[in-house]
Amino acid sequence: MAGFKGGFGGGNINQLMQQAQKMQQQLKKAQDELKESEVSGSSGGDMVTVTLTGDKRFVSINIKPEAVDPDDIEMLEDLIAAAFNEAMSAAEELSEELMGPLSGGLGGLM
């Protein structure tokens, strides 16, 4: 095998390694940004608000007093679920916005 140069086109392996390292840095930056970002979801005309981080960790819940009816706990539970689901959707949208361009370049590795 005279003239064999690694089978990867010689200098192209270095370029691939640099691109992979750059993508890894961009991915880390996007992950950090998700951890630091907060999104909210609300229901019942803002009677219940749930806040999550961009990486889908629970931060807080705010329940206005008028949302609390001791005779209708089920309504409050529904409001909490709806607000949480809205916050999750917002977190997923943010994640797609920040991570989408990066995951598309990994050829399905993510």
Protein backbone atom coordinates (compact mmCIF):
# COMPACT_ATOMS: atom_id res chain seq x y z
CA MET A 1 0.00 0.00 0.00
CA ALA A 2 2.47 2.56 -1.14
CA GLY A 3 1.32 6.12 -0.66
CA PHE A 4 -1.38 5.31 1.94
CA LYS A 5 -2.22 8.47 3.90
CA GLY A 6 -4.67 7.29 6.48
CA GLY A 7 -7.60 6.65 4.16
CA PHE A 8 -9.42 9.88 5.08
CA GLY A 9 -8.14 12.13 2.34
CA GLY A 10 -5.06 13.38 4.15
CA GLY A 11 -5.71 16.84 5.62
CA ASN A 12 -9.49 16.44 5.63
CA ILE A 13 -9.37 14.57 8.95
CA ASN A 14 -7.95 17.65 10.63
CA GLN A 15 -10.72 19.77 9.16
CA LEU A 16 -13.33 17.26 10.35
CA MET A 17 -11.84 17.25 13.84
CA GLN A 18 -11.90 21.05 13.97
CA GLN A 19 -15.53 21.11 12.82
CA ALA A 20 -16.47 18.50 15.42
CA GLN A 21 -14.72 20.48 18.15
CA LYS A 22 -16.49 23.67 17.05
CA MET A 23 -19.88 21.90 17.08
CA GLN A 24 -19.13 20.52 20.54
CA GLN A 25 -18.41 24.03 21.82
CA GLN A 26 -21.61 25.37 20.22
CA LEU A 27 -23.60 22.51 21.73
CA LYS A 28 -22.19 23.21 25.21
CA LYS A 29 -23.04 26.91 24.82
CA ALA A 30 -26.62 26.09 23.78
CA GLN A 31 -27.01 23.66 26.70
CA ASP A 32 -25.75 26.29 29.14
CA GLU A 33 -28.14 28.85 27.67
CA LEU A 34 -31.05 26.43 28.12
CA LYS A 35 -30.13 25.89 31.78
CA GLU A 36 -30.02 29.65 32.39
CA SER A 37 -33.21 30.50 30.47
CA GLU A 38 -36.68 30.45 31.98
CA VAL A 39 -40.04 29.96 30.27
CA SER A 40 -43.55 30.20 31.68
CA GLY A 41 -46.97 28.83 30.96
CA SER A 42 -50.23 30.07 32.39
CA SER A 43 -53.88 29.12 32.49
CA GLY A 44 -57.18 30.48 33.70
CA GLY A 45 -56.39 34.03 32.62
CA ASP A 46 -53.02 33.93 34.44
CA MET A 47 -54.59 32.56 37.64
CA VAL A 48 -51.93 29.82 37.57
CA THR A 49 -48.41 30.32 36.19
CA VAL A 50 -45.72 27.65 36.03
CA THR A 51 -42.08 28.55 35.35
CA LEU A 52 -39.48 26.07 34.07
CA THR A 53 -35.90 26.37 32.92
CA GLY A 54 -35.18 25.90 29.24
CA ASP A 55 -33.91 22.41 30.04
CA LYS A 56 -37.32 21.57 31.55
CA ARG A 57 -36.58 21.83 35.25
CA PHE A 58 -39.30 23.16 37.53
CA VAL A 59 -38.60 26.63 38.96
CA SER A 60 -41.86 27.86 40.48
CA ILE A 61 -45.62 27.96 40.47
CA ASN A 62 -47.74 31.01 41.18
CA ILE A 63 -51.40 30.51 42.12
CA LYS A 64 -53.63 33.53 42.59
CA PRO A 65 -55.97 33.27 45.60
CA GLU A 66 -59.08 33.46 43.43
CA ALA A 67 -58.02 30.21 41.75
CA VAL A 68 -58.39 28.35 45.05
CA ASP A 69 -61.88 27.06 45.68
CA PRO A 70 -61.92 24.41 48.45
CA ASP A 71 -65.11 23.01 46.93
CA ASP A 72 -63.53 22.60 43.47
CA ILE A 73 -60.00 21.26 43.86
CA GLU A 74 -60.31 19.51 40.50
CA MET A 75 -60.49 22.87 38.70
CA LEU A 76 -57.24 23.99 40.37
CA GLU A 77 -55.58 20.71 39.42
CA ASP A 78 -56.68 21.22 35.80
CA LEU A 79 -55.34 24.79 35.81
CA ILE A 80 -51.98 23.59 37.14
CA ALA A 81 -51.76 20.83 34.52
CA ALA A 82 -52.65 23.24 31.71
CA ALA A 83 -50.09 25.82 32.86
CA PHE A 84 -47.40 23.14 33.22
CA ASN A 85 -48.12 21.76 29.74
CA GLU A 86 -47.92 25.26 28.25
CA ALA A 87 -44.57 25.84 29.99
CA MET A 88 -43.28 22.47 28.70
CA SER A 89 -44.26 23.43 25.15
CA ALA A 90 -42.42 26.73 25.54
CA ALA A 91 -39.33 24.90 26.85
CA GLU A 92 -39.44 22.48 23.91
CA GLU A 93 -39.71 25.36 21.45
CA LEU A 94 -36.75 27.11 23.05
CA SER A 95 -34.74 23.88 22.99
CA GLU A 96 -35.52 23.35 19.31
CA GLU A 97 -34.58 26.95 18.57
CA LEU A 98 -31.22 26.63 20.33
CA MET A 99 -30.36 23.00 19.66
CA GLY A 100 -32.12 22.33 16.35
CA PRO A 101 -29.45 23.77 14.08
CA LEU A 102 -26.77 21.84 15.96
CA SER A 103 -28.51 18.48 16.04
CA GLY A 104 -29.22 18.67 12.30
CA GLY A 105 -25.50 18.73 11.57
CA LEU A 106 -24.69 15.58 13.51
CA GLY A 107 -26.21 13.17 11.03
CA GLY A 108 -28.72 11.73 13.50
CA LEU A 109 -26.25 11.24 16.34
CA MET A 110 -28.41 13.26 18.75
